[in-house]
Amino acid sequence: MKRVFFICAILVSISVLAAGCDLPRRFRYLTDPPESGEVLFFDDFSARASWDTWNEEQSIVDYSSGGLRFFINQPNYDYWSILDDYFEDTKIDVDVTKVNGPEDNSFGVLCRYKNQKNYYQFLVSNDGYFGIVKVLDGQRSVISSEQLQYDEVIVSGNGGLNHIQAVCLGSSLTLSINDVLLASAYDTDLIEGKVGLAAGTNAERAVDVLFDNFRVTQP
């Protein structure tokens, strides 16, 4: 049975070790805000750039097969990689392919990431569940509904590709999967931050997913 939300035994973020420090913030725009539809960042992962990667026995986040691969060989773990740029309003699009592993997994995007204890996460699972999650001061909650919801629009199986679109616009948060709007929420706790990609396991290990065509635009 799908849990109310994904619970991680230990949250691991190798990508931003100094996120909680008072470091200068590097915004993608420094003067006037961009116009709606302007591309703020794009990566098809054809060359190494921007993303923190690693290759260890229990987890891999690395460039592979023309994408960014997340392989997690531990139960109840989340891993993520974060871009070192700050954004306010964003529309994030990305393609995600399940390479191998259990259907009961999690993957998706992050917006307004401040540090390991403060961010929004747009979660999808190959067994058909989805939701918008807020992590505030380390407390994790589903804010798009009482619990994760199910929809058959999510593609399952090895080789299955899902297109995720997450919009963070002011206090409005929306999640679309395969061009279908599935979840929305309103929240004012986080107003800006970094963006990133994430994947995780539940009871079963060996989650293996590949991200491609990551795009951030001004909504």
C-alpha atoms as a PDB file:
ATOM      1  CA  MET A   1       0.000   0.000   0.000  1.00  0.00           C
ATOM      2  CA  LYS A   2       1.219   3.455  -0.842  1.00  0.00           C
ATOM      3  CA  ARG A   3       2.127   5.521   2.198  1.00  0.00           C
ATOM      4  CA  VAL A   4       0.582   8.934   2.850  1.00  0.00           C
ATOM      5  CA  PHE A   5       3.898  10.435   1.831  1.00  0.00           C
ATOM      6  CA  PHE A   6       7.390   9.170   1.234  1.00  0.00           C
ATOM      7  CA  ILE A   7       9.315   8.902   4.494  1.00  0.00           C
ATOM      8  CA  CYS A   8      13.097   8.824   4.302  1.00  0.00           C
ATOM      9  CA  ALA A   9      15.147   7.085   6.935  1.00  0.00           C
ATOM     10  CA  ILE A  10      17.956   9.520   6.233  1.00  0.00           C
ATOM     11  CA  LEU A  11      17.806  12.465   3.837  1.00  0.00           C
ATOM     12  CA  VAL A  12      21.038  12.629   1.893  1.00  0.00           C
ATOM     13  CA  SER A  13      22.088  15.678  -0.105  1.00  0.00           C
ATOM     14  CA  ILE A  14      25.633  15.619  -1.354  1.00  0.00           C
ATOM     15  CA  SER A  15      24.848  18.337  -3.851  1.00  0.00           C
ATOM     16  CA  VAL A  16      24.611  21.269  -1.462  1.00  0.00           C
ATOM     17  CA  LEU A  17      26.814  20.874   1.575  1.00  0.00           C
ATOM     18  CA  ALA A  18      26.784  24.574   2.379  1.00  0.00           C
ATOM     19  CA  ALA A  19      23.162  25.379   1.626  1.00  0.00           C
ATOM     20  CA  GLY A  20      22.491  26.582   5.141  1.00  0.00           C
ATOM     21  CA  CYS A  21      25.437  29.002   5.212  1.00  0.00           C
ATOM     22  CA  ASP A  22      25.218  32.708   4.470  1.00  0.00           C
ATOM     23  CA  LEU A  23      26.654  32.518   0.963  1.00  0.00           C
ATOM     24  CA  PRO A  24      26.062  35.063  -1.825  1.00  0.00           C
ATOM     25  CA  ARG A  25      22.982  34.142  -3.848  1.00  0.00           C
ATOM     26  CA  ARG A  26      23.432  33.800  -7.582  1.00  0.00           C
ATOM     27  CA  PHE A  27      20.182  34.623  -9.328  1.00  0.00           C
ATOM     28  CA  ARG A  28      19.640  33.849 -12.998  1.00  0.00           C
ATOM     29  CA  TYR A  29      18.536  37.451 -13.475  1.00  0.00           C
ATOM     30  CA  LEU A  30      19.959  40.437 -11.655  1.00  0.00           C
ATOM     31  CA  THR A  31      17.833  43.400 -12.774  1.00  0.00           C
ATOM     32  CA  ASP A  32      14.417  43.224 -14.404  1.00  0.00           C
ATOM     33  CA  PRO A  33      12.535  39.921 -14.052  1.00  0.00           C
ATOM     34  CA  PRO A  34      12.316  37.837 -17.239  1.00  0.00           C
ATOM     35  CA  GLU A  35       9.261  37.840 -19.470  1.00  0.00           C
ATOM     36  CA  SER A  36       6.780  34.985 -19.385  1.00  0.00           C
ATOM     37  CA  GLY A  37       8.017  32.061 -21.475  1.00  0.00           C
ATOM     38  CA  GLU A  38      11.671  33.073 -21.330  1.00  0.00           C
ATOM     39  CA  VAL A  39      13.980  30.079 -20.900  1.00  0.00           C
ATOM     40  CA  LEU A  40      16.026  30.543 -17.740  1.00  0.00           C
ATOM     41  CA  PHE A  41      17.931  27.255 -17.926  1.00  0.00           C
ATOM     42  CA  PHE A  42      18.032  24.181 -20.174  1.00  0.00           C
ATOM     43  CA  ASP A  43      20.059  20.973 -20.048  1.00  0.00           C
ATOM     44  CA  ASP A  44      19.753  17.922 -22.279  1.00  0.00           C
ATOM     45  CA  PHE A  45      22.659  16.316 -20.396  1.00  0.00           C
ATOM     46  CA  SER A  46      24.697  15.898 -23.567  1.00  0.00           C
ATOM     47  CA  ALA A  47      27.706  17.392 -21.767  1.00  0.00           C
ATOM     48  CA  ARG A  48      28.805  17.496 -18.161  1.00  0.00           C
ATOM     49  CA  ALA A  49      27.800  20.774 -16.545  1.00  0.00           C
ATOM     50  CA  SER A  50      25.874  22.281 -13.664  1.00  0.00           C
ATOM     51  CA  TRP A  51      24.839  19.159 -11.729  1.00  0.00           C
ATOM     52  CA  ASP A  52      26.652  17.603  -8.813  1.00  0.00           C
ATOM     53  CA  THR A  53      27.282  13.912  -9.432  1.00  0.00           C
ATOM     54  CA  TRP A  54      28.746  10.960  -7.574  1.00  0.00           C
ATOM     55  CA  ASN A  55      29.171   7.208  -7.974  1.00  0.00           C
ATOM     56  CA  GLU A  56      29.122   5.087  -4.852  1.00  0.00           C
ATOM     57  CA  GLU A  57      28.208   1.538  -3.930  1.00  0.00           C
ATOM     58  CA  GLN A  58      24.762   2.406  -2.624  1.00  0.00           C
ATOM     59  CA  SER A  59      23.881   5.343  -4.862  1.00  0.00           C
ATOM     60  CA  ILE A  60      24.718   6.862  -8.221  1.00  0.00           C
ATOM     61  CA  VAL A  61      23.831  10.275  -9.593  1.00  0.00           C
ATOM     62  CA  ASP A  62      25.725  10.633 -12.847  1.00  0.00           C
ATOM     63  CA  TYR A  63      25.500  11.355 -16.551  1.00  0.00           C
ATOM     64  CA  SER A  64      24.479   8.216 -18.450  1.00  0.00           C
ATOM     65  CA  SER A  65      22.761   7.310 -21.725  1.00  0.00           C
ATOM     66  CA  GLY A  66      22.176  10.951 -22.615  1.00  0.00           C
ATOM     67  CA  GLY A  67      20.549  11.852 -19.306  1.00  0.00           C
ATOM     68  CA  LEU A  68      21.130  12.230 -15.581  1.00  0.00           C
ATOM     69  CA  ARG A  69      20.798   8.837 -13.914  1.00  0.00           C
ATOM     70  CA  PHE A  70      19.664   8.228 -10.331  1.00  0.00           C
ATOM     71  CA  PHE A  71      20.356   4.713  -9.031  1.00  0.00           C
ATOM     72  CA  ILE A  72      19.517   4.050  -5.377  1.00  0.00           C
ATOM     73  CA  ASN A  73      20.312   0.674  -3.850  1.00  0.00           C
ATOM     74  CA  GLN A  74      19.040   1.364  -0.325  1.00  0.00           C
ATOM     75  CA  PRO A  75      15.474   1.187   1.021  1.00  0.00           C
ATOM     76  CA  ASN A  76      13.806   4.360   2.313  1.00  0.00           C
ATOM     77  CA  TYR A  77      16.281   6.860   0.943  1.00  0.00           C
ATOM     78  CA  ASP A  78      15.927  10.075  -1.073  1.00  0.00           C
ATOM     79  CA  TYR A  79      18.734  11.577  -3.117  1.00  0.00           C
ATOM     80  CA  TRP A  80      18.786  14.829  -5.053  1.00  0.00           C
ATOM     81  CA  SER A  81      21.012  17.075  -7.119  1.00  0.00           C
ATOM     82  CA  ILE A  82      20.546  20.853  -6.982  1.00  0.00           C
ATOM     83  CA  LEU A  83      21.479  23.654  -9.376  1.00  0.00           C
ATOM     84  CA  ASP A  84      23.507  26.428  -7.791  1.00  0.00           C
ATOM     85  CA  ASP A  85      21.200  29.233  -8.956  1.00  0.00           C
ATOM     86  CA  TYR A  86      18.300  30.967  -7.238  1.00  0.00           C
ATOM     87  CA  PHE A  87      14.887  31.511  -8.815  1.00  0.00           C
ATOM     88  CA  GLU A  88      11.605  33.009  -7.677  1.00  0.00           C
ATOM     89  CA  ASP A  89       8.826  31.968 -10.090  1.00  0.00           C
ATOM     90  CA  THR A  90       9.585  28.938 -12.264  1.00  0.00           C
ATOM     91  CA  LYS A  91       8.031  26.448 -14.628  1.00  0.00           C
ATOM     92  CA  ILE A  92      10.094  23.260 -14.638  1.00  0.00           C
ATOM     93  CA  ASP A  93       9.764  20.588 -17.323  1.00  0.00           C
ATOM     94  CA  VAL A  94      11.625  17.286 -17.427  1.00  0.00           C
ATOM     95  CA  ASP A  95      11.310  13.818 -18.979  1.00  0.00           C
ATOM     96  CA  VAL A  96      11.810  10.835 -16.670  1.00  0.00           C
ATOM     97  CA  THR A  97      12.306   7.248 -17.819  1.00  0.00           C
ATOM     98  CA  LYS A  98      12.155   4.255 -15.478  1.00  0.00           C
ATOM     99  CA  VAL A  99      15.199   2.156 -16.364  1.00  0.00           C
ATOM    100  CA  ASN A 100      14.744  -0.612 -13.815  1.00  0.00           C
ATOM    101  CA  GLY A 101      13.656  -1.392 -10.303  1.00  0.00           C
ATOM    102  CA  PRO A 102      10.364  -1.372  -8.395  1.00  0.00           C
ATOM    103  CA  GLU A 103       7.219   0.453  -9.446  1.00  0.00           C
ATOM    104  CA  ASP A 104       6.873   1.696  -5.857  1.00  0.00           C
ATOM    105  CA  ASN A 105       9.489   4.412  -6.213  1.00  0.00           C
ATOM    106  CA  SER A 106       9.572   8.191  -6.205  1.00  0.00           C
ATOM    107  CA  PHE A 107      11.022  10.778  -8.561  1.00  0.00           C
ATOM    108  CA  GLY A 108      10.418  14.369  -9.499  1.00  0.00           C
ATOM    109  CA  VAL A 109      11.589  17.957  -9.205  1.00  0.00           C
ATOM    110  CA  LEU A 110      12.270  20.467  -6.458  1.00  0.00           C
ATOM    111  CA  CYS A 111      11.653  24.189  -6.427  1.00  0.00           C
ATOM    112  CA  ARG A 112      12.438  26.955  -3.927  1.00  0.00           C
ATOM    113  CA  TYR A 113      15.032  24.722  -2.315  1.00  0.00           C
ATOM    114  CA  LYS A 114      16.639  26.635   0.548  1.00  0.00           C
ATOM    115  CA  ASN A 115      18.380  23.759   2.305  1.00  0.00           C
ATOM    116  CA  GLN A 116      17.747  20.140   3.299  1.00  0.00           C
ATOM    117  CA  LYS A 117      14.940  21.206   5.631  1.00  0.00           C
ATOM    118  CA  ASN A 118      13.073  23.699   3.430  1.00  0.00           C
ATOM    119  CA  TYR A 119      11.778  23.117  -0.118  1.00  0.00           C
ATOM    120  CA  TYR A 120       8.829  22.084  -2.292  1.00  0.00           C
ATOM    121  CA  GLN A 121       8.915  18.670  -3.948  1.00  0.00           C
ATOM    122  CA  PHE A 122       6.723  17.472  -6.829  1.00  0.00           C
ATOM    123  CA  LEU A 123       6.554  13.698  -6.439  1.00  0.00           C
ATOM    124  CA  VAL A 124       5.626  11.001  -8.926  1.00  0.00           C
ATOM    125  CA  SER A 125       5.759   7.211  -8.604  1.00  0.00           C
ATOM    126  CA  ASN A 126       5.640   4.605 -11.347  1.00  0.00           C
ATOM    127  CA  ASP A 127       2.815   2.798  -9.557  1.00  0.00           C
ATOM    128  CA  GLY A 128       0.616   5.805 -10.317  1.00  0.00           C
ATOM    129  CA  TYR A 129       0.856   8.085  -7.274  1.00  0.00           C
ATOM    130  CA  PHE A 130       1.668  11.788  -7.195  1.00  0.00           C
ATOM    131  CA  GLY A 131       1.538  14.850  -4.984  1.00  0.00           C
ATOM    132  CA  ILE A 132       3.045  18.180  -3.993  1.00  0.00           C
ATOM    133  CA  VAL A 133       5.060  17.979  -0.786  1.00  0.00           C
ATOM    134  CA  LYS A 134       6.331  20.791   1.425  1.00  0.00           C
ATOM    135  CA  VAL A 135       9.319  20.343   3.697  1.00  0.00           C
ATOM    136  CA  LEU A 136       9.451  23.211   6.178  1.00  0.00           C
ATOM    137  CA  ASP A 137      11.895  23.215   9.082  1.00  0.00           C
ATOM    138  CA  GLY A 138      12.360  19.508   8.421  1.00  0.00           C
ATOM    139  CA  GLN A 139       8.638  18.701   8.725  1.00  0.00           C
ATOM    140  CA  ARG A 140       7.264  16.919   5.656  1.00  0.00           C
ATOM    141  CA  SER A 141       3.640  17.152   4.518  1.00  0.00           C
ATOM    142  CA  VAL A 142       1.539  16.647   1.419  1.00  0.00           C
ATOM    143  CA  ILE A 143      -0.090  20.014   0.625  1.00  0.00           C
ATOM    144  CA  SER A 144      -1.933  19.219  -2.626  1.00  0.00           C
ATOM    145  CA  SER A 145      -4.404  16.888  -0.879  1.00  0.00           C
ATOM    146  CA  GLU A 146      -4.765  14.886   2.317  1.00  0.00           C
ATOM    147  CA  GLN A 147      -2.467  12.208   0.904  1.00  0.00           C
ATOM    148  CA  LEU A 148      -0.807  11.179  -2.322  1.00  0.00           C
ATOM    149  CA  GLN A 149      -3.339  10.633  -5.116  1.00  0.00           C
ATOM    150  CA  TYR A 150      -3.523   8.025  -7.890  1.00  0.00           C
ATOM    151  CA  ASP A 151      -4.029   8.474 -11.632  1.00  0.00           C
ATOM    152  CA  GLU A 152      -3.643   6.109 -14.563  1.00  0.00           C
ATOM    153  CA  VAL A 153      -2.052   8.832 -16.694  1.00  0.00           C
ATOM    154  CA  ILE A 154       1.299   7.962 -15.076  1.00  0.00           C
ATOM    155  CA  VAL A 155       3.226   5.487 -17.231  1.00  0.00           C
ATOM    156  CA  SER A 156       4.567   2.389 -15.474  1.00  0.00           C
ATOM    157  CA  GLY A 157       7.029  -0.341 -16.455  1.00  0.00           C
ATOM    158  CA  ASN A 158      10.659  -0.407 -17.463  1.00  0.00           C
ATOM    159  CA  GLY A 159      11.258   2.000 -20.313  1.00  0.00           C
ATOM    160  CA  GLY A 160       8.150   3.995 -19.430  1.00  0.00           C
ATOM    161  CA  LEU A 161       8.594   7.747 -19.931  1.00  0.00           C
ATOM    162  CA  ASN A 162       6.713  10.417 -18.000  1.00  0.00           C
ATOM    163  CA  HIS A 163       6.837  14.146 -18.640  1.00  0.00           C
ATOM    164  CA  ILE A 164       6.667  16.250 -15.481  1.00  0.00           C
ATOM    165  CA  GLN A 165       5.795  19.934 -15.350  1.00  0.00           C
ATOM    166  CA  ALA A 166       5.970  21.751 -12.019  1.00  0.00           C
ATOM    167  CA  VAL A 167       4.999  25.422 -11.726  1.00  0.00           C
ATOM    168  CA  CYS A 168       5.896  27.633  -8.770  1.00  0.00           C
ATOM    169  CA  LEU A 169       4.209  30.994  -9.355  1.00  0.00           C
ATOM    170  CA  GLY A 170       3.770  33.213  -6.333  1.00  0.00           C
ATOM    171  CA  SER A 171       1.747  31.220  -3.823  1.00  0.00           C
ATOM    172  CA  SER A 172       0.424  28.853  -6.510  1.00  0.00           C
ATOM    173  CA  LEU A 173       1.991  25.429  -7.058  1.00  0.00           C
ATOM    174  CA  THR A 174       0.845  23.008  -9.758  1.00  0.00           C
ATOM    175  CA  LEU A 175       1.924  19.579 -10.970  1.00  0.00           C
ATOM    176  CA  SER A 176       1.132  18.229 -14.446  1.00  0.00           C
ATOM    177  CA  ILE A 177       2.102  14.780 -15.678  1.00  0.00           C
ATOM    178  CA  ASN A 178       2.037  13.889 -19.353  1.00  0.00           C
ATOM    179  CA  ASP A 179       0.251  17.174 -20.100  1.00  0.00           C
ATOM    180  CA  VAL A 180      -2.536  16.516 -17.582  1.00  0.00           C
ATOM    181  CA  LEU A 181      -2.933  18.865 -14.614  1.00  0.00           C
ATOM    182  CA  LEU A 182      -3.180  16.573 -11.590  1.00  0.00           C
ATOM    183  CA  ALA A 183      -2.354  18.560  -8.448  1.00  0.00           C
ATOM    184  CA  SER A 184      -2.377  22.104  -7.143  1.00  0.00           C
ATOM    185  CA  ALA A 185      -1.643  23.821  -3.871  1.00  0.00           C
ATOM    186  CA  TYR A 186      -1.357  27.313  -2.392  1.00  0.00           C
ATOM    187  CA  ASP A 187       1.402  28.093   0.050  1.00  0.00           C
ATOM    188  CA  THR A 188       3.335  31.204   1.080  1.00  0.00           C
ATOM    189  CA  ASP A 189       6.116  29.791   3.250  1.00  0.00           C
ATOM    190  CA  LEU A 190       8.831  29.620   0.563  1.00  0.00           C
ATOM    191  CA  ILE A 191       9.172  32.411  -1.989  1.00  0.00           C
ATOM    192  CA  GLU A 192      12.473  31.677  -3.738  1.00  0.00           C
ATOM    193  CA  GLY A 193      15.296  29.167  -3.854  1.00  0.00           C
ATOM    194  CA  LYS A 194      17.102  26.664  -6.008  1.00  0.00           C
ATOM    195  CA  VAL A 195      15.703  23.986  -8.312  1.00  0.00           C
ATOM    196  CA  GLY A 196      16.700  20.362  -8.610  1.00  0.00           C
ATOM    197  CA  LEU A 197      15.953  16.738  -9.402  1.00  0.00           C
ATOM    198  CA  ALA A 198      15.242  13.951  -6.929  1.00  0.00           C
ATOM    199  CA  ALA A 199      14.545  10.230  -6.746  1.00  0.00           C
ATOM    200  CA  GLY A 200      14.017   7.812  -3.904  1.00  0.00           C
ATOM    201  CA  THR A 201      13.135   4.357  -2.672  1.00  0.00           C
ATOM    202  CA  ASN A 202      10.473   3.079  -0.325  1.00  0.00           C
ATOM    203  CA  ALA A 203      10.606  -0.490   1.023  1.00  0.00           C
ATOM    204  CA  GLU A 204      12.282  -1.865  -2.120  1.00  0.00           C
ATOM    205  CA  ARG A 205      15.756  -0.915  -3.287  1.00  0.00           C
ATOM    206  CA  ALA A 206      17.397  -0.596  -6.713  1.00  0.00           C
ATOM    207  CA  VAL A 207      15.363   2.323  -8.064  1.00  0.00           C
ATOM    208  CA  ASP A 208      16.908   3.329 -11.406  1.00  0.00           C
ATOM    209  CA  VAL A 209      15.541   6.362 -13.309  1.00  0.00           C
ATOM    210  CA  LEU A 210      16.918   8.660 -16.009  1.00  0.00           C
ATOM    211  CA  PHE A 211      16.127  12.384 -16.317  1.00  0.00           C
ATOM    212  CA  ASP A 212      16.396  14.234 -19.626  1.00  0.00           C
ATOM    213  CA  ASN A 213      15.491  17.579 -21.227  1.00  0.00           C
ATOM    214  CA  PHE A 214      15.402  19.634 -18.040  1.00  0.00           C
ATOM    215  CA  ARG A 215      14.040  23.109 -18.703  1.00  0.00           C
ATOM    216  CA  VAL A 216      13.289  26.066 -16.439  1.00  0.00           C
ATOM    217  CA  THR A 217      11.172  28.855 -17.917  1.00  0.00           C
ATOM    218  CA  GLN A 218       9.485  31.944 -16.549  1.00  0.00           C
ATOM    219  CA  PRO A 219       5.791  31.087 -16.040  1.00  0.00           C
END
